[in-house]
Amino acid sequence: MPAPATTAPAAAPGLPELATVPWRRRASAGALHGIGRLWTAWTVALTVPFAAVAAFLIYLEPLTAPVAAASIAHAWIIPELYAFRGANVARPKGARHPRSEPVALGLLGDLLAHRERDLQGATGLALERGRLGAWLVGEGGAVLLAPGGRRVHCFCVTATDSELPPSDRIAHLLLALRADEEGFATVANHAFSGAPWRLRRRLGREVRPALDAARAAAREVPEGRA
């Protein structure tokens, strides 16, 4: 008697855009934690030599203090430049489309709860809680506060149609995030990873409440969650 036919398990749903980056490892909490550690190691490797040179110069000759100060400035500026690049993902992108934007904003509001809708209206960023942490979705990227709220990841990613009004761009990214959170983090380009306070310094004052809200939401997610 022939063995009964077995049905192959259905493939896990994923974003179609994953096909454009087949070389990338699918994102996960563990993978993001590893990426964060690499960012920290790289930043330390770039900044510590400048600080060491400054200390050595002052040790040899106190009169070299101005040169040492310039070296210290380099050690400070390098991570600040990385944070500035990360903050760019939360800034407005492209044309404003004043005629179609009100309709797009209404459609985006339908995707958000009341508090998240108010936050998006004030800051331009939509807060979304996920398995990987708390997300802030903007027009040209997303910011992820990892569980515990002690590390931030910035991703550069945009909707395929650049002519969409701003709120439609956010809605497209938000729906993609909800459809496949790990896939979203895989397709997006990692722009920065580091301490939230460093990113906060580079955000506009009107945007900082969104980062604070996301950090508070991330603290509610248990650390080490897969």
C-alpha atoms as a PDB file:
ATOM      1  CA  MET A   1       0.000   0.000   0.000  1.00  0.00           C
ATOM      2  CA  PRO A   2       1.571   3.342  -0.978  1.00  0.00           C
ATOM      3  CA  ALA A   3       2.407   5.745   1.804  1.00  0.00           C
ATOM      4  CA  PRO A   4      -0.047   8.607   2.147  1.00  0.00           C
ATOM      5  CA  ALA A   5       1.026  11.786   0.459  1.00  0.00           C
ATOM      6  CA  THR A   6       2.373  14.440   2.781  1.00  0.00           C
ATOM      7  CA  THR A   7       1.727  18.104   2.330  1.00  0.00           C
ATOM      8  CA  ALA A   8       4.792  20.308   2.388  1.00  0.00           C
ATOM      9  CA  PRO A   9       4.638  23.030   5.032  1.00  0.00           C
ATOM     10  CA  ALA A  10       3.653  26.395   3.675  1.00  0.00           C
ATOM     11  CA  ALA A  11       6.490  28.856   3.263  1.00  0.00           C
ATOM     12  CA  ALA A  12       6.637  31.612   5.810  1.00  0.00           C
ATOM     13  CA  PRO A  13       5.179  34.844   4.444  1.00  0.00           C
ATOM     14  CA  GLY A  14       7.729  37.449   3.524  1.00  0.00           C
ATOM     15  CA  LEU A  15       8.090  40.735   1.722  1.00  0.00           C
ATOM     16  CA  PRO A  16       8.639  40.468  -2.048  1.00  0.00           C
ATOM     17  CA  GLU A  17      11.552  42.905  -1.675  1.00  0.00           C
ATOM     18  CA  LEU A  18      13.529  40.190   0.118  1.00  0.00           C
ATOM     19  CA  ALA A  19      14.267  38.726  -3.306  1.00  0.00           C
ATOM     20  CA  THR A  20      16.362  41.808  -4.098  1.00  0.00           C
ATOM     21  CA  VAL A  21      18.756  41.165  -1.177  1.00  0.00           C
ATOM     22  CA  PRO A  22      19.271  37.372  -1.185  1.00  0.00           C
ATOM     23  CA  TRP A  23      22.748  37.727   0.346  1.00  0.00           C
ATOM     24  CA  ARG A  24      21.447  39.235   3.573  1.00  0.00           C
ATOM     25  CA  ARG A  25      20.805  37.104   6.623  1.00  0.00           C
ATOM     26  CA  ARG A  26      17.206  37.390   7.777  1.00  0.00           C
ATOM     27  CA  ALA A  27      16.986  39.808  10.680  1.00  0.00           C
ATOM     28  CA  SER A  28      16.207  38.572  14.174  1.00  0.00           C
ATOM     29  CA  ALA A  29      16.613  39.846  17.718  1.00  0.00           C
ATOM     30  CA  GLY A  30      19.889  37.958  18.016  1.00  0.00           C
ATOM     31  CA  ALA A  31      21.196  39.225  14.678  1.00  0.00           C
ATOM     32  CA  LEU A  32      20.371  42.829  15.583  1.00  0.00           C
ATOM     33  CA  HIS A  33      22.087  42.408  18.937  1.00  0.00           C
ATOM     34  CA  GLY A  34      25.199  41.227  17.103  1.00  0.00           C
ATOM     35  CA  ILE A  35      25.034  44.154  14.685  1.00  0.00           C
ATOM     36  CA  GLY A  36      24.767  46.529  17.627  1.00  0.00           C
ATOM     37  CA  ARG A  37      27.883  45.071  19.207  1.00  0.00           C
ATOM     38  CA  LEU A  38      29.757  45.430  15.919  1.00  0.00           C
ATOM     39  CA  TRP A  39      28.728  49.097  15.707  1.00  0.00           C
ATOM     40  CA  THR A  40      30.015  49.646  19.238  1.00  0.00           C
ATOM     41  CA  ALA A  41      33.304  47.861  18.518  1.00  0.00           C
ATOM     42  CA  TRP A  42      33.793  49.849  15.315  1.00  0.00           C
ATOM     43  CA  THR A  43      33.087  53.150  17.058  1.00  0.00           C
ATOM     44  CA  VAL A  44      35.519  52.308  19.851  1.00  0.00           C
ATOM     45  CA  ALA A  45      38.183  51.319  17.316  1.00  0.00           C
ATOM     46  CA  LEU A  46      37.822  54.694  15.598  1.00  0.00           C
ATOM     47  CA  THR A  47      37.658  56.928  18.662  1.00  0.00           C
ATOM     48  CA  VAL A  48      40.032  55.376  21.220  1.00  0.00           C
ATOM     49  CA  PRO A  49      43.199  56.008  19.140  1.00  0.00           C
ATOM     50  CA  PHE A  50      42.391  59.729  18.973  1.00  0.00           C
ATOM     51  CA  ALA A  51      41.847  59.854  22.729  1.00  0.00           C
ATOM     52  CA  ALA A  52      45.054  57.889  23.335  1.00  0.00           C
ATOM     53  CA  VAL A  53      47.045  60.243  21.112  1.00  0.00           C
ATOM     54  CA  ALA A  54      45.671  63.250  23.009  1.00  0.00           C
ATOM     55  CA  ALA A  55      46.652  61.764  26.369  1.00  0.00           C
ATOM     56  CA  PHE A  56      50.106  60.836  25.079  1.00  0.00           C
ATOM     57  CA  LEU A  57      50.749  64.320  23.697  1.00  0.00           C
ATOM     58  CA  ILE A  58      49.833  65.985  26.975  1.00  0.00           C
ATOM     59  CA  TYR A  59      52.000  63.482  28.843  1.00  0.00           C
ATOM     60  CA  LEU A  60      54.986  64.302  26.668  1.00  0.00           C
ATOM     61  CA  GLU A  61      54.511  68.044  26.584  1.00  0.00           C
ATOM     62  CA  PRO A  62      51.649  70.042  28.170  1.00  0.00           C
ATOM     63  CA  LEU A  63      52.197  72.763  25.555  1.00  0.00           C
ATOM     64  CA  THR A  64      50.739  70.413  22.952  1.00  0.00           C
ATOM     65  CA  ALA A  65      47.315  70.784  24.602  1.00  0.00           C
ATOM     66  CA  PRO A  66      45.773  72.548  21.539  1.00  0.00           C
ATOM     67  CA  VAL A  67      46.784  69.619  19.307  1.00  0.00           C
ATOM     68  CA  ALA A  68      45.502  67.181  21.924  1.00  0.00           C
ATOM     69  CA  ALA A  69      42.196  69.071  22.035  1.00  0.00           C
ATOM     70  CA  ALA A  70      41.853  68.679  18.263  1.00  0.00           C
ATOM     71  CA  SER A  71      42.416  64.952  18.640  1.00  0.00           C
ATOM     72  CA  ILE A  72      39.748  64.769  21.348  1.00  0.00           C
ATOM     73  CA  ALA A  73      37.394  66.680  19.057  1.00  0.00           C
ATOM     74  CA  HIS A  74      37.898  64.037  16.371  1.00  0.00           C
ATOM     75  CA  ALA A  75      37.105  61.315  18.899  1.00  0.00           C
ATOM     76  CA  TRP A  76      33.829  63.084  19.725  1.00  0.00           C
ATOM     77  CA  ILE A  77      32.834  64.050  16.182  1.00  0.00           C
ATOM     78  CA  ILE A  78      33.066  60.578  14.638  1.00  0.00           C
ATOM     79  CA  PRO A  79      30.196  58.988  16.640  1.00  0.00           C
ATOM     80  CA  GLU A  80      28.236  62.226  16.312  1.00  0.00           C
ATOM     81  CA  LEU A  81      28.425  61.974  12.526  1.00  0.00           C
ATOM     82  CA  TYR A  82      27.122  58.413  12.683  1.00  0.00           C
ATOM     83  CA  ALA A  83      24.257  59.573  14.896  1.00  0.00           C
ATOM     84  CA  PHE A  84      23.484  62.385  12.467  1.00  0.00           C
ATOM     85  CA  ARG A  85      23.226  59.850   9.659  1.00  0.00           C
ATOM     86  CA  GLY A  86      20.857  57.800  11.808  1.00  0.00           C
ATOM     87  CA  ALA A  87      18.713  60.841  12.563  1.00  0.00           C
ATOM     88  CA  ASN A  88      18.283  61.438   8.828  1.00  0.00           C
ATOM     89  CA  VAL A  89      15.892  58.478   8.588  1.00  0.00           C
ATOM     90  CA  ALA A  90      13.426  60.349  10.811  1.00  0.00           C
ATOM     91  CA  ARG A  91      13.461  63.561   8.798  1.00  0.00           C
ATOM     92  CA  PRO A  92      10.841  64.515   6.168  1.00  0.00           C
ATOM     93  CA  LYS A  93      11.657  63.372   2.651  1.00  0.00           C
ATOM     94  CA  GLY A  94      10.479  64.479  -0.765  1.00  0.00           C
ATOM     95  CA  ALA A  95       7.641  66.688  -1.936  1.00  0.00           C
ATOM     96  CA  ARG A  96       4.845  67.660   0.477  1.00  0.00           C
ATOM     97  CA  HIS A  97       1.876  67.276  -1.919  1.00  0.00           C
ATOM     98  CA  PRO A  98      -0.378  69.744  -0.050  1.00  0.00           C
ATOM     99  CA  ARG A  99      -3.511  68.797  -2.014  1.00  0.00           C
ATOM    100  CA  SER A 100      -3.414  65.038  -1.526  1.00  0.00           C
ATOM    101  CA  GLU A 101      -1.710  64.948   1.872  1.00  0.00           C
ATOM    102  CA  PRO A 102      -4.883  65.573   3.961  1.00  0.00           C
ATOM    103  CA  VAL A 103      -6.546  62.494   2.459  1.00  0.00           C
ATOM    104  CA  ALA A 104      -3.384  60.431   2.929  1.00  0.00           C
ATOM    105  CA  LEU A 105      -3.145  61.603   6.517  1.00  0.00           C
ATOM    106  CA  GLY A 106      -6.687  60.449   7.160  1.00  0.00           C
ATOM    107  CA  LEU A 107      -5.935  57.013   5.752  1.00  0.00           C
ATOM    108  CA  LEU A 108      -2.793  56.755   7.868  1.00  0.00           C
ATOM    109  CA  GLY A 109      -4.808  57.748  10.926  1.00  0.00           C
ATOM    110  CA  ASP A 110      -7.083  54.776  10.329  1.00  0.00           C
ATOM    111  CA  LEU A 111      -4.060  52.493  10.814  1.00  0.00           C
ATOM    112  CA  LEU A 112      -3.150  53.970  14.188  1.00  0.00           C
ATOM    113  CA  ALA A 113      -4.659  53.929  17.638  1.00  0.00           C
ATOM    114  CA  HIS A 114      -5.678  57.217  19.233  1.00  0.00           C
ATOM    115  CA  ARG A 115      -2.452  57.925  21.155  1.00  0.00           C
ATOM    116  CA  GLU A 116      -0.258  56.843  18.243  1.00  0.00           C
ATOM    117  CA  ARG A 117      -2.314  59.037  15.909  1.00  0.00           C
ATOM    118  CA  ASP A 118      -1.750  62.076  18.109  1.00  0.00           C
ATOM    119  CA  LEU A 119       1.964  61.298  18.376  1.00  0.00           C
ATOM    120  CA  GLN A 120       2.301  60.971  14.606  1.00  0.00           C
ATOM    121  CA  GLY A 121       0.466  64.230  14.060  1.00  0.00           C
ATOM    122  CA  ALA A 122       2.843  66.047  16.418  1.00  0.00           C
ATOM    123  CA  THR A 123       6.130  64.428  15.393  1.00  0.00           C
ATOM    124  CA  GLY A 124       5.621  62.934  11.936  1.00  0.00           C
ATOM    125  CA  LEU A 125       6.574  59.458  13.173  1.00  0.00           C
ATOM    126  CA  ALA A 126       4.237  56.505  13.674  1.00  0.00           C
ATOM    127  CA  LEU A 127       4.849  54.339  16.741  1.00  0.00           C
ATOM    128  CA  GLU A 128       4.470  50.597  16.213  1.00  0.00           C
ATOM    129  CA  ARG A 129       5.160  47.893  18.792  1.00  0.00           C
ATOM    130  CA  GLY A 130       6.687  44.724  17.380  1.00  0.00           C
ATOM    131  CA  ARG A 131       8.512  41.558  18.340  1.00  0.00           C
ATOM    132  CA  LEU A 132      11.902  43.206  17.839  1.00  0.00           C
ATOM    133  CA  GLY A 133      11.035  46.232  19.966  1.00  0.00           C
ATOM    134  CA  ALA A 134       9.297  49.568  19.452  1.00  0.00           C
ATOM    135  CA  TRP A 135       9.433  51.135  15.987  1.00  0.00           C
ATOM    136  CA  LEU A 136       9.113  54.710  14.804  1.00  0.00           C
ATOM    137  CA  VAL A 137       8.175  54.780  11.123  1.00  0.00           C
ATOM    138  CA  GLY A 138       8.807  57.900   9.071  1.00  0.00           C
ATOM    139  CA  GLU A 139       8.713  58.893   5.427  1.00  0.00           C
ATOM    140  CA  GLY A 140      12.187  57.659   4.596  1.00  0.00           C
ATOM    141  CA  GLY A 141      13.043  55.097   7.211  1.00  0.00           C
ATOM    142  CA  ALA A 142      12.395  53.683  10.627  1.00  0.00           C
ATOM    143  CA  VAL A 143      13.938  53.762  14.091  1.00  0.00           C
ATOM    144  CA  LEU A 144      13.877  50.653  16.259  1.00  0.00           C
ATOM    145  CA  LEU A 145      14.245  50.809  20.021  1.00  0.00           C
ATOM    146  CA  ALA A 146      15.440  47.361  21.045  1.00  0.00           C
ATOM    147  CA  PRO A 147      13.809  45.630  24.051  1.00  0.00           C
ATOM    148  CA  GLY A 148      14.840  47.425  27.212  1.00  0.00           C
ATOM    149  CA  GLY A 149      15.237  50.744  25.376  1.00  0.00           C
ATOM    150  CA  ARG A 150      19.010  50.870  25.777  1.00  0.00           C
ATOM    151  CA  ARG A 151      19.942  50.596  22.097  1.00  0.00           C
ATOM    152  CA  VAL A 152      18.543  52.180  18.975  1.00  0.00           C
ATOM    153  CA  HIS A 153      18.793  50.958  15.385  1.00  0.00           C
ATOM    154  CA  CYS A 154      18.130  53.313  12.468  1.00  0.00           C
ATOM    155  CA  PHE A 155      17.055  51.940   9.096  1.00  0.00           C
ATOM    156  CA  CYS A 156      16.928  53.746   5.777  1.00  0.00           C
ATOM    157  CA  VAL A 157      14.078  52.496   3.591  1.00  0.00           C
ATOM    158  CA  THR A 158      11.511  54.193   1.372  1.00  0.00           C
ATOM    159  CA  ALA A 159       8.290  53.352  -0.429  1.00  0.00           C
ATOM    160  CA  THR A 160       8.814  52.311  -4.028  1.00  0.00           C
ATOM    161  CA  ASP A 161       6.667  55.179  -5.352  1.00  0.00           C
ATOM    162  CA  SER A 162       8.506  58.404  -4.572  1.00  0.00           C
ATOM    163  CA  GLU A 163       5.556  60.499  -5.781  1.00  0.00           C
ATOM    164  CA  LEU A 164       3.293  59.452  -2.908  1.00  0.00           C
ATOM    165  CA  PRO A 165       2.294  62.104  -0.374  1.00  0.00           C
ATOM    166  CA  PRO A 166       4.186  61.928   2.948  1.00  0.00           C
ATOM    167  CA  SER A 167       1.522  60.090   4.956  1.00  0.00           C
ATOM    168  CA  ASP A 168       1.115  57.489   2.201  1.00  0.00           C
ATOM    169  CA  ARG A 169       4.849  56.811   2.346  1.00  0.00           C
ATOM    170  CA  ILE A 170       4.564  56.198   6.075  1.00  0.00           C
ATOM    171  CA  ALA A 171       1.489  54.013   5.611  1.00  0.00           C
ATOM    172  CA  HIS A 172       3.251  51.850   3.021  1.00  0.00           C
ATOM    173  CA  LEU A 173       6.229  51.289   5.316  1.00  0.00           C
ATOM    174  CA  LEU A 174       3.971  50.673   8.308  1.00  0.00           C
ATOM    175  CA  LEU A 175       1.981  48.014   6.460  1.00  0.00           C
ATOM    176  CA  ALA A 176       5.198  46.352   5.274  1.00  0.00           C
ATOM    177  CA  LEU A 177       6.470  46.318   8.844  1.00  0.00           C
ATOM    178  CA  ARG A 178       3.260  44.720  10.091  1.00  0.00           C
ATOM    179  CA  ALA A 179       3.304  42.131   7.311  1.00  0.00           C
ATOM    180  CA  ASP A 180       6.872  40.951   7.980  1.00  0.00           C
ATOM    181  CA  GLU A 181       8.806  42.694  10.731  1.00  0.00           C
ATOM    182  CA  GLU A 182      11.990  40.642  10.347  1.00  0.00           C
ATOM    183  CA  GLY A 183      11.808  40.953   6.566  1.00  0.00           C
ATOM    184  CA  PHE A 184      11.391  44.717   6.882  1.00  0.00           C
ATOM    185  CA  ALA A 185      14.539  44.935   9.027  1.00  0.00           C
ATOM    186  CA  THR A 186      16.356  42.728   6.501  1.00  0.00           C
ATOM    187  CA  VAL A 187      15.489  44.787   3.429  1.00  0.00           C
ATOM    188  CA  ALA A 188      16.164  48.158   5.076  1.00  0.00           C
ATOM    189  CA  ASN A 189      19.711  49.543   5.154  1.00  0.00           C
ATOM    190  CA  HIS A 190      21.240  49.881   8.599  1.00  0.00           C
ATOM    191  CA  ALA A 191      22.223  53.536   9.031  1.00  0.00           C
ATOM    192  CA  PHE A 192      23.158  53.669  12.727  1.00  0.00           C
ATOM    193  CA  SER A 193      23.149  51.690  15.941  1.00  0.00           C
ATOM    194  CA  GLY A 194      24.007  53.095  19.331  1.00  0.00           C
ATOM    195  CA  ALA A 195      22.764  54.793  22.461  1.00  0.00           C
ATOM    196  CA  PRO A 196      19.356  56.509  22.276  1.00  0.00           C
ATOM    197  CA  TRP A 197      20.735  59.654  23.936  1.00  0.00           C
ATOM    198  CA  ARG A 198      23.226  60.106  21.117  1.00  0.00           C
ATOM    199  CA  LEU A 199      20.492  59.886  18.489  1.00  0.00           C
ATOM    200  CA  ARG A 200      18.196  62.144  20.514  1.00  0.00           C
ATOM    201  CA  ARG A 201      20.760  64.961  20.385  1.00  0.00           C
ATOM    202  CA  ARG A 202      20.580  64.899  16.588  1.00  0.00           C
ATOM    203  CA  LEU A 203      16.800  64.877  16.297  1.00  0.00           C
ATOM    204  CA  GLY A 204      14.724  68.017  16.083  1.00  0.00           C
ATOM    205  CA  ARG A 205      12.953  69.079  19.257  1.00  0.00           C
ATOM    206  CA  GLU A 206       9.561  68.345  17.725  1.00  0.00           C
ATOM    207  CA  VAL A 207      10.605  64.729  17.031  1.00  0.00           C
ATOM    208  CA  ARG A 208      12.155  63.893  20.399  1.00  0.00           C
ATOM    209  CA  PRO A 209       8.824  63.073  22.111  1.00  0.00           C
ATOM    210  CA  ALA A 210       8.382  60.226  19.614  1.00  0.00           C
ATOM    211  CA  LEU A 211      11.768  58.782  20.573  1.00  0.00           C
ATOM    212  CA  ASP A 212      10.886  59.104  24.256  1.00  0.00           C
ATOM    213  CA  ALA A 213       7.559  57.316  23.695  1.00  0.00           C
ATOM    214  CA  ALA A 214       9.243  54.522  21.730  1.00  0.00           C
ATOM    215  CA  ARG A 215      11.866  54.087  24.424  1.00  0.00           C
ATOM    216  CA  ALA A 216       9.165  53.799  27.069  1.00  0.00           C
ATOM    217  CA  ALA A 217       7.362  51.215  24.933  1.00  0.00           C
ATOM    218  CA  ALA A 218      10.601  49.273  24.391  1.00  0.00           C
ATOM    219  CA  ARG A 219      11.151  49.058  28.137  1.00  0.00           C
ATOM    220  CA  GLU A 220       7.930  47.056  28.357  1.00  0.00           C
ATOM    221  CA  VAL A 221       9.354  44.391  26.015  1.00  0.00           C
ATOM    222  CA  PRO A 222      11.401  41.751  27.888  1.00  0.00           C
ATOM    223  CA  GLU A 223      15.078  41.810  26.929  1.00  0.00           C
ATOM    224  CA  GLY A 224      16.357  38.722  25.196  1.00  0.00           C
ATOM    225  CA  ARG A 225      13.013  38.131  23.493  1.00  0.00           C
ATOM    226  CA  ALA A 226      13.471  36.236  20.238  1.00  0.00           C
END
